[in-house]
Amino acid sequence: MRHLEIARPTGRAHLERVPTGWSVDLELAADEDGAMDLLRAAIGAVREAGGGVLRHWARAGDPVSVAASQSLGLALTRELHQLRRPLPVEETWDLDVRPFVPGADEAAWLDVNNRAFRWHPEQGGWTLEDLQARMAEPWFDPRGFLLHEVDGRLAGFCWTKAHRAVSPPLGEIYVIAVDPDFSGRGLGRALTLAGLDHLFTSGLGVGMLYVEGTNEAALRLYDGLGFERHHIDLGFAIEVPGS
């Protein structure tokens, strides 16, 4: 079970299993009591599923979600910055990239992703099942999953995602990383530019990405590329024992 939805008169809780536990978002919780009811239900569902770390996201620092998390003993553990900038970016880039090939590139991608993100609570530790689940989503497009190789070896990637149903339509840098063996070569900037250029040529006028508030190097990179902070999501966590 990777996804679970809990419905209450006060709203809905959307749970997703991630490599290090569970992530939950609340929808339509109009007040703190309603949000607490949904969170309690989410905690109970995680307990029934065997327990683990539950992370609740207070999107854009929603005060109702923050208050509910604090009342139930969840601790603030992360700040996730959403950054945006208009497209195109008036900066040239020179990097050989090719689209991801399903059925051929999974193993190499998982190796690079998991070593680059071994510190990350959600992006690290992916399995083939995790990757295949994302590839089965309606938004997946291998043409926007760009790989850069050096001497036949995957050195970095920029995986993009289009959000065309929102206003304004957004082009997201969904996951981007450089193999630690190839760090220090400026690949992060070039891969970001390649991804943004792909999003622009796909008809999107705003680029977006998420970055950890503690990732100072990435924040400097994106600031230099003209990104500005749109909002900050606050992540609260609790360890839930199994039943």
C-alpha atoms as a PDB file:
ATOM      1  CA  MET A   1       0.000   0.000   0.000  1.00  0.00           C
ATOM      2  CA  ARG A   2       1.680   3.196  -1.215  1.00  0.00           C
ATOM      3  CA  HIS A   3      -1.217   5.649  -0.992  1.00  0.00           C
ATOM      4  CA  LEU A   4      -4.040   6.000   1.506  1.00  0.00           C
ATOM      5  CA  GLU A   5      -6.805   8.573   1.719  1.00  0.00           C
ATOM      6  CA  ILE A   6      -8.757   9.261   4.896  1.00  0.00           C
ATOM      7  CA  ALA A   7     -12.066  11.133   4.632  1.00  0.00           C
ATOM      8  CA  ARG A   8     -13.731  12.957   7.504  1.00  0.00           C
ATOM      9  CA  PRO A   9     -16.488  15.593   7.584  1.00  0.00           C
ATOM     10  CA  THR A  10     -13.680  18.075   8.311  1.00  0.00           C
ATOM     11  CA  GLY A  11     -11.640  17.194   5.220  1.00  0.00           C
ATOM     12  CA  ARG A  12      -9.233  14.612   3.842  1.00  0.00           C
ATOM     13  CA  ALA A  13      -5.793  13.308   4.697  1.00  0.00           C
ATOM     14  CA  HIS A  14      -3.626  12.068   1.844  1.00  0.00           C
ATOM     15  CA  LEU A  15      -0.902   9.647   2.946  1.00  0.00           C
ATOM     16  CA  GLU A  16       1.983   8.426   0.809  1.00  0.00           C
ATOM     17  CA  ARG A  17       4.587   5.851   1.753  1.00  0.00           C
ATOM     18  CA  VAL A  18       8.122   7.164   1.206  1.00  0.00           C
ATOM     19  CA  PRO A  19      11.437   5.326   1.695  1.00  0.00           C
ATOM     20  CA  THR A  20      11.820   6.581   5.260  1.00  0.00           C
ATOM     21  CA  GLY A  21       8.217   6.342   6.426  1.00  0.00           C
ATOM     22  CA  TRP A  22       5.032   8.191   5.527  1.00  0.00           C
ATOM     23  CA  SER A  23       4.149  11.679   4.302  1.00  0.00           C
ATOM     24  CA  VAL A  24       0.738  13.254   4.899  1.00  0.00           C
ATOM     25  CA  ASP A  25      -0.993  16.334   3.501  1.00  0.00           C
ATOM     26  CA  LEU A  26      -4.310  17.675   4.750  1.00  0.00           C
ATOM     27  CA  GLU A  27      -7.078  19.056   2.566  1.00  0.00           C
ATOM     28  CA  LEU A  28     -10.040  21.206   3.623  1.00  0.00           C
ATOM     29  CA  ALA A  29      -9.322  21.086   7.352  1.00  0.00           C
ATOM     30  CA  ALA A  30     -11.060  24.351   8.219  1.00  0.00           C
ATOM     31  CA  ASP A  31      -9.926  24.663  11.821  1.00  0.00           C
ATOM     32  CA  GLU A  32      -7.437  23.275  14.296  1.00  0.00           C
ATOM     33  CA  ASP A  33      -9.865  20.702  15.729  1.00  0.00           C
ATOM     34  CA  GLY A  34     -10.607  19.384  12.242  1.00  0.00           C
ATOM     35  CA  ALA A  35      -6.937  19.228  11.368  1.00  0.00           C
ATOM     36  CA  MET A  36      -6.175  17.414  14.623  1.00  0.00           C
ATOM     37  CA  ASP A  37      -8.918  14.883  13.865  1.00  0.00           C
ATOM     38  CA  LEU A  38      -7.384  14.167  10.449  1.00  0.00           C
ATOM     39  CA  LEU A  39      -3.869  13.950  11.860  1.00  0.00           C
ATOM     40  CA  ARG A  40      -4.974  11.542  14.582  1.00  0.00           C
ATOM     41  CA  ALA A  41      -6.564   9.384  11.898  1.00  0.00           C
ATOM     42  CA  ALA A  42      -3.356   9.499   9.840  1.00  0.00           C
ATOM     43  CA  ILE A  43      -1.290   8.492  12.873  1.00  0.00           C
ATOM     44  CA  GLY A  44      -3.677   5.608  13.481  1.00  0.00           C
ATOM     45  CA  ALA A  45      -3.387   4.466   9.868  1.00  0.00           C
ATOM     46  CA  VAL A  46       0.412   4.478  10.057  1.00  0.00           C
ATOM     47  CA  ARG A  47       0.244   2.497  13.321  1.00  0.00           C
ATOM     48  CA  GLU A  48      -2.020  -0.085  11.651  1.00  0.00           C
ATOM     49  CA  ALA A  49       0.412  -0.287   8.718  1.00  0.00           C
ATOM     50  CA  GLY A  50       3.300  -1.231  11.015  1.00  0.00           C
ATOM     51  CA  GLY A  51       4.461   2.165  12.241  1.00  0.00           C
ATOM     52  CA  GLY A  52       7.291   4.431  11.155  1.00  0.00           C
ATOM     53  CA  VAL A  53       8.069   8.126  10.840  1.00  0.00           C
ATOM     54  CA  LEU A  54       5.071  10.237   9.809  1.00  0.00           C
ATOM     55  CA  ARG A  55       5.810  13.637   8.271  1.00  0.00           C
ATOM     56  CA  HIS A  56       3.057  16.209   8.022  1.00  0.00           C
ATOM     57  CA  TRP A  57       3.467  19.149   5.672  1.00  0.00           C
ATOM     58  CA  ALA A  58       2.037  22.524   6.599  1.00  0.00           C
ATOM     59  CA  ARG A  59       1.929  23.950   3.095  1.00  0.00           C
ATOM     60  CA  ALA A  60       3.012  27.588   2.926  1.00  0.00           C
ATOM     61  CA  GLY A  61       3.207  27.509   6.720  1.00  0.00           C
ATOM     62  CA  ASP A  62      -0.580  27.098   7.060  1.00  0.00           C
ATOM     63  CA  PRO A  63      -1.256  28.168  10.671  1.00  0.00           C
ATOM     64  CA  VAL A  64      -4.038  25.585  11.184  1.00  0.00           C
ATOM     65  CA  SER A  65      -1.731  22.733  10.150  1.00  0.00           C
ATOM     66  CA  VAL A  66       1.092  24.146  12.265  1.00  0.00           C
ATOM     67  CA  ALA A  67      -1.116  24.421  15.362  1.00  0.00           C
ATOM     68  CA  ALA A  68      -2.505  20.903  14.902  1.00  0.00           C
ATOM     69  CA  SER A  69       0.977  19.436  14.495  1.00  0.00           C
ATOM     70  CA  GLN A  70       2.278  21.162  17.606  1.00  0.00           C
ATOM     71  CA  SER A  71      -0.770  20.159  19.656  1.00  0.00           C
ATOM     72  CA  LEU A  72      -0.240  16.471  18.781  1.00  0.00           C
ATOM     73  CA  GLY A  73       3.465  16.531  19.607  1.00  0.00           C
ATOM     74  CA  LEU A  74       4.932  16.577  16.105  1.00  0.00           C
ATOM     75  CA  ALA A  75       8.322  18.302  15.917  1.00  0.00           C
ATOM     76  CA  LEU A  76       9.355  20.807  13.250  1.00  0.00           C
ATOM     77  CA  THR A  77      12.127  19.079  11.299  1.00  0.00           C
ATOM     78  CA  ARG A  78      12.256  20.657   7.841  1.00  0.00           C
ATOM     79  CA  GLU A  79      11.709  23.845   5.881  1.00  0.00           C
ATOM     80  CA  LEU A  80      11.130  23.298   2.177  1.00  0.00           C
ATOM     81  CA  HIS A  81      11.420  26.402   0.005  1.00  0.00           C
ATOM     82  CA  GLN A  82       9.438  26.645  -3.216  1.00  0.00           C
ATOM     83  CA  LEU A  83      11.294  28.885  -5.656  1.00  0.00           C
ATOM     84  CA  ARG A  84      10.022  30.288  -8.948  1.00  0.00           C
ATOM     85  CA  ARG A  85      11.290  32.330 -11.867  1.00  0.00           C
ATOM     86  CA  PRO A  86       9.921  33.363 -15.273  1.00  0.00           C
ATOM     87  CA  LEU A  87      11.030  31.492 -18.371  1.00  0.00           C
ATOM     88  CA  PRO A  88      13.076  31.557 -20.503  1.00  0.00           C
ATOM     89  CA  VAL A  89      16.391  32.042 -18.743  1.00  0.00           C
ATOM     90  CA  GLU A  90      18.640  34.289 -20.790  1.00  0.00           C
ATOM     91  CA  GLU A  91      21.746  32.202 -20.218  1.00  0.00           C
ATOM     92  CA  THR A  92      23.333  29.755 -22.617  1.00  0.00           C
ATOM     93  CA  TRP A  93      24.328  26.237 -21.614  1.00  0.00           C
ATOM     94  CA  ASP A  94      26.467  23.620 -23.311  1.00  0.00           C
ATOM     95  CA  LEU A  95      25.892  20.090 -22.104  1.00  0.00           C
ATOM     96  CA  ASP A  96      25.106  16.833 -23.859  1.00  0.00           C
ATOM     97  CA  VAL A  97      21.844  15.453 -22.494  1.00  0.00           C
ATOM     98  CA  ARG A  98      19.489  12.730 -23.649  1.00  0.00           C
ATOM     99  CA  PRO A  99      16.061  11.524 -22.511  1.00  0.00           C
ATOM    100  CA  PHE A 100      15.679   8.741 -19.977  1.00  0.00           C
ATOM    101  CA  VAL A 101      14.947   5.375 -21.627  1.00  0.00           C
ATOM    102  CA  PRO A 102      12.485   3.236 -19.624  1.00  0.00           C
ATOM    103  CA  GLY A 103      13.681  -0.318 -19.358  1.00  0.00           C
ATOM    104  CA  ALA A 104      17.329   0.639 -19.813  1.00  0.00           C
ATOM    105  CA  ASP A 105      18.284   3.476 -17.445  1.00  0.00           C
ATOM    106  CA  GLU A 106      16.627   2.522 -14.153  1.00  0.00           C
ATOM    107  CA  ALA A 107      19.605   0.846 -12.477  1.00  0.00           C
ATOM    108  CA  ALA A 108      22.089   3.614 -13.309  1.00  0.00           C
ATOM    109  CA  TRP A 109      19.650   6.303 -12.231  1.00  0.00           C
ATOM    110  CA  LEU A 110      18.870   4.612  -8.910  1.00  0.00           C
ATOM    111  CA  ASP A 111      22.576   4.269  -8.155  1.00  0.00           C
ATOM    112  CA  VAL A 112      23.299   7.962  -8.757  1.00  0.00           C
ATOM    113  CA  ASN A 113      20.113   9.202  -7.079  1.00  0.00           C
ATOM    114  CA  ASN A 114      20.619   7.178  -3.917  1.00  0.00           C
ATOM    115  CA  ARG A 115      24.259   8.158  -3.508  1.00  0.00           C
ATOM    116  CA  ALA A 116      23.573  11.834  -4.226  1.00  0.00           C
ATOM    117  CA  PHE A 117      20.615  11.909  -1.807  1.00  0.00           C
ATOM    118  CA  ARG A 118      21.767   9.499   0.891  1.00  0.00           C
ATOM    119  CA  TRP A 119      21.192  12.325   3.400  1.00  0.00           C
ATOM    120  CA  HIS A 120      17.633  13.081   2.241  1.00  0.00           C
ATOM    121  CA  PRO A 121      14.624  11.661   4.143  1.00  0.00           C
ATOM    122  CA  GLU A 122      12.448  11.236   1.028  1.00  0.00           C
ATOM    123  CA  GLN A 123      14.623  11.201  -2.076  1.00  0.00           C
ATOM    124  CA  GLY A 124      17.312   8.874  -0.751  1.00  0.00           C
ATOM    125  CA  GLY A 125      16.955   5.107  -0.607  1.00  0.00           C
ATOM    126  CA  TRP A 126      14.665   4.742  -3.609  1.00  0.00           C
ATOM    127  CA  THR A 127      13.926   1.253  -4.904  1.00  0.00           C
ATOM    128  CA  LEU A 128      12.998   0.157  -8.402  1.00  0.00           C
ATOM    129  CA  GLU A 129       9.410  -0.016  -7.169  1.00  0.00           C
ATOM    130  CA  ASP A 130       9.554   3.646  -6.091  1.00  0.00           C
ATOM    131  CA  LEU A 131      10.865   4.709  -9.495  1.00  0.00           C
ATOM    132  CA  GLN A 132       8.356   2.599 -11.406  1.00  0.00           C
ATOM    133  CA  ALA A 133       5.507   4.075  -9.364  1.00  0.00           C
ATOM    134  CA  ARG A 134       6.528   7.598 -10.468  1.00  0.00           C
ATOM    135  CA  MET A 135       6.951   6.434 -14.065  1.00  0.00           C
ATOM    136  CA  ALA A 136       3.379   5.090 -13.977  1.00  0.00           C
ATOM    137  CA  GLU A 137       1.975   8.514 -13.039  1.00  0.00           C
ATOM    138  CA  PRO A 138       0.038  10.341 -15.804  1.00  0.00           C
ATOM    139  CA  TRP A 139       2.465  13.270 -15.693  1.00  0.00           C
ATOM    140  CA  PHE A 140       5.571  11.189 -16.419  1.00  0.00           C
ATOM    141  CA  ASP A 141       7.287  12.118 -19.689  1.00  0.00           C
ATOM    142  CA  PRO A 142      10.719  10.595 -20.404  1.00  0.00           C
ATOM    143  CA  ARG A 143      11.451  13.462 -22.809  1.00  0.00           C
ATOM    144  CA  GLY A 144      11.699  15.740 -19.784  1.00  0.00           C
ATOM    145  CA  PHE A 145      13.886  13.322 -17.805  1.00  0.00           C
ATOM    146  CA  LEU A 146      17.310  14.479 -18.958  1.00  0.00           C
ATOM    147  CA  LEU A 147      20.494  12.462 -18.423  1.00  0.00           C
ATOM    148  CA  HIS A 148      24.102  13.596 -18.819  1.00  0.00           C
ATOM    149  CA  GLU A 149      26.776  10.942 -19.292  1.00  0.00           C
ATOM    150  CA  VAL A 150      30.560  11.035 -19.201  1.00  0.00           C
ATOM    151  CA  ASP A 151      32.320   8.192 -21.001  1.00  0.00           C
ATOM    152  CA  GLY A 152      29.140   6.115 -20.910  1.00  0.00           C
ATOM    153  CA  ARG A 153      28.563   6.655 -17.208  1.00  0.00           C
ATOM    154  CA  LEU A 154      25.638   8.622 -15.772  1.00  0.00           C
ATOM    155  CA  ALA A 155      27.119  11.774 -14.251  1.00  0.00           C
ATOM    156  CA  GLY A 156      23.962  13.742 -13.491  1.00  0.00           C
ATOM    157  CA  PHE A 157      20.315  14.220 -14.341  1.00  0.00           C
ATOM    158  CA  CYS A 158      17.483  16.738 -14.359  1.00  0.00           C
ATOM    159  CA  TRP A 159      13.973  15.274 -14.116  1.00  0.00           C
ATOM    160  CA  THR A 160      11.225  17.770 -14.958  1.00  0.00           C
ATOM    161  CA  LYS A 161       7.478  17.760 -14.415  1.00  0.00           C
ATOM    162  CA  ALA A 162       4.753  19.878 -16.006  1.00  0.00           C
ATOM    163  CA  HIS A 163       1.851  21.268 -13.942  1.00  0.00           C
ATOM    164  CA  ARG A 164      -0.476  22.523 -16.671  1.00  0.00           C
ATOM    165  CA  ALA A 165      -3.725  22.470 -14.679  1.00  0.00           C
ATOM    166  CA  VAL A 166      -2.663  25.193 -12.205  1.00  0.00           C
ATOM    167  CA  SER A 167      -2.638  28.943 -12.722  1.00  0.00           C
ATOM    168  CA  PRO A 168      -0.135  29.940 -13.869  1.00  0.00           C
ATOM    169  CA  PRO A 169       1.003  26.652 -15.447  1.00  0.00           C
ATOM    170  CA  LEU A 170       4.305  25.615 -13.865  1.00  0.00           C
ATOM    171  CA  GLY A 171       7.313  23.686 -15.094  1.00  0.00           C
ATOM    172  CA  GLU A 172       9.021  21.961 -12.183  1.00  0.00           C
ATOM    173  CA  ILE A 173      12.575  20.785 -11.724  1.00  0.00           C
ATOM    174  CA  TYR A 174      11.280  17.655  -9.980  1.00  0.00           C
ATOM    175  CA  VAL A 175      14.579  15.977  -9.073  1.00  0.00           C
ATOM    176  CA  ILE A 176      18.080  17.092 -10.007  1.00  0.00           C
ATOM    177  CA  ALA A 177      21.414  15.662  -8.893  1.00  0.00           C
ATOM    178  CA  VAL A 178      25.042  15.162  -9.829  1.00  0.00           C
ATOM    179  CA  ASP A 179      26.900  11.951  -9.081  1.00  0.00           C
ATOM    180  CA  PRO A 180      29.210  12.755  -6.130  1.00  0.00           C
ATOM    181  CA  ASP A 181      32.141  11.480  -8.230  1.00  0.00           C
ATOM    182  CA  PHE A 182      31.514  14.326 -10.708  1.00  0.00           C
ATOM    183  CA  SER A 183      30.953  17.183  -8.258  1.00  0.00           C
ATOM    184  CA  GLY A 184      32.812  20.444  -8.682  1.00  0.00           C
ATOM    185  CA  ARG A 185      32.457  20.547 -12.477  1.00  0.00           C
ATOM    186  CA  GLY A 186      29.575  23.004 -12.690  1.00  0.00           C
ATOM    187  CA  LEU A 187      27.153  20.309 -13.805  1.00  0.00           C
ATOM    188  CA  GLY A 188      24.410  21.388 -11.408  1.00  0.00           C
ATOM    189  CA  ARG A 189      24.010  24.794 -13.050  1.00  0.00           C
ATOM    190  CA  ALA A 190      24.152  23.383 -16.568  1.00  0.00           C
ATOM    191  CA  LEU A 191      21.627  20.657 -15.786  1.00  0.00           C
ATOM    192  CA  THR A 192      19.271  23.203 -14.222  1.00  0.00           C
ATOM    193  CA  LEU A 193      19.495  25.365 -17.337  1.00  0.00           C
ATOM    194  CA  ALA A 194      18.891  22.336 -19.549  1.00  0.00           C
ATOM    195  CA  GLY A 195      15.781  21.438 -17.574  1.00  0.00           C
ATOM    196  CA  LEU A 196      14.426  24.981 -17.600  1.00  0.00           C
ATOM    197  CA  ASP A 197      15.032  25.254 -21.329  1.00  0.00           C
ATOM    198  CA  HIS A 198      13.122  22.020 -21.906  1.00  0.00           C
ATOM    199  CA  LEU A 199      10.204  23.336 -19.838  1.00  0.00           C
ATOM    200  CA  PHE A 200      10.146  26.604 -21.790  1.00  0.00           C
ATOM    201  CA  THR A 201      10.206  24.871 -25.176  1.00  0.00           C
ATOM    202  CA  SER A 202       7.331  22.706 -23.876  1.00  0.00           C
ATOM    203  CA  GLY A 203       5.222  25.860 -23.620  1.00  0.00           C
ATOM    204  CA  LEU A 204       5.638  26.713 -19.925  1.00  0.00           C
ATOM    205  CA  GLY A 205       6.380  30.260 -18.806  1.00  0.00           C
ATOM    206  CA  VAL A 206       7.226  29.792 -15.115  1.00  0.00           C
ATOM    207  CA  GLY A 207       9.916  27.514 -13.675  1.00  0.00           C
ATOM    208  CA  MET A 208       9.592  26.101 -10.164  1.00  0.00           C
ATOM    209  CA  LEU A 209      11.495  23.855  -7.803  1.00  0.00           C
ATOM    210  CA  TYR A 210      11.723  22.860  -4.153  1.00  0.00           C
ATOM    211  CA  VAL A 211      14.903  23.023  -2.106  1.00  0.00           C
ATOM    212  CA  GLU A 212      15.688  22.272   1.519  1.00  0.00           C
ATOM    213  CA  GLY A 213      16.159  25.383   3.622  1.00  0.00           C
ATOM    214  CA  THR A 214      19.408  23.916   4.962  1.00  0.00           C
ATOM    215  CA  ASN A 215      20.894  23.346   1.489  1.00  0.00           C
ATOM    216  CA  GLU A 216      22.868  26.580   1.310  1.00  0.00           C
ATOM    217  CA  ALA A 217      24.847  25.624  -1.802  1.00  0.00           C
ATOM    218  CA  ALA A 218      21.684  24.908  -3.780  1.00  0.00           C
ATOM    219  CA  LEU A 219      20.014  28.087  -2.537  1.00  0.00           C
ATOM    220  CA  ARG A 220      23.022  30.107  -3.739  1.00  0.00           C
ATOM    221  CA  LEU A 221      22.902  28.385  -7.118  1.00  0.00           C
ATOM    222  CA  TYR A 222      19.216  29.065  -7.638  1.00  0.00           C
ATOM    223  CA  ASP A 223      19.505  32.630  -6.386  1.00  0.00           C
ATOM    224  CA  GLY A 224      22.187  33.181  -9.015  1.00  0.00           C
ATOM    225  CA  LEU A 225      19.800  31.840 -11.647  1.00  0.00           C
ATOM    226  CA  GLY A 226      17.145  34.392 -10.750  1.00  0.00           C
ATOM    227  CA  PHE A 227      14.812  32.232  -8.667  1.00  0.00           C
ATOM    228  CA  GLU A 228      12.792  33.919  -5.932  1.00  0.00           C
ATOM    229  CA  ARG A 229      11.094  32.363  -2.912  1.00  0.00           C
ATOM    230  CA  HIS A 230       7.377  31.837  -3.438  1.00  0.00           C
ATOM    231  CA  HIS A 231       6.613  30.181  -0.097  1.00  0.00           C
ATOM    232  CA  ILE A 232       8.025  27.834   2.564  1.00  0.00           C
ATOM    233  CA  ASP A 233       6.444  24.491   3.482  1.00  0.00           C
ATOM    234  CA  LEU A 234       7.021  23.378   7.063  1.00  0.00           C
ATOM    235  CA  GLY A 235       7.577  19.689   7.758  1.00  0.00           C
ATOM    236  CA  PHE A 236       6.597  18.205  11.153  1.00  0.00           C
ATOM    237  CA  ALA A 237       7.448  14.622  12.128  1.00  0.00           C
ATOM    238  CA  ILE A 238       6.571  12.014  14.723  1.00  0.00           C
ATOM    239  CA  GLU A 239       7.696   8.424  15.273  1.00  0.00           C
ATOM    240  CA  VAL A 240       4.639   6.171  15.255  1.00  0.00           C
ATOM    241  CA  PRO A 241       4.970   2.710  16.848  1.00  0.00           C
ATOM    242  CA  GLY A 242       3.362  -0.252  15.108  1.00  0.00           C
ATOM    243  CA  SER A 243       0.224  -1.794  16.522  1.00  0.00           C
END
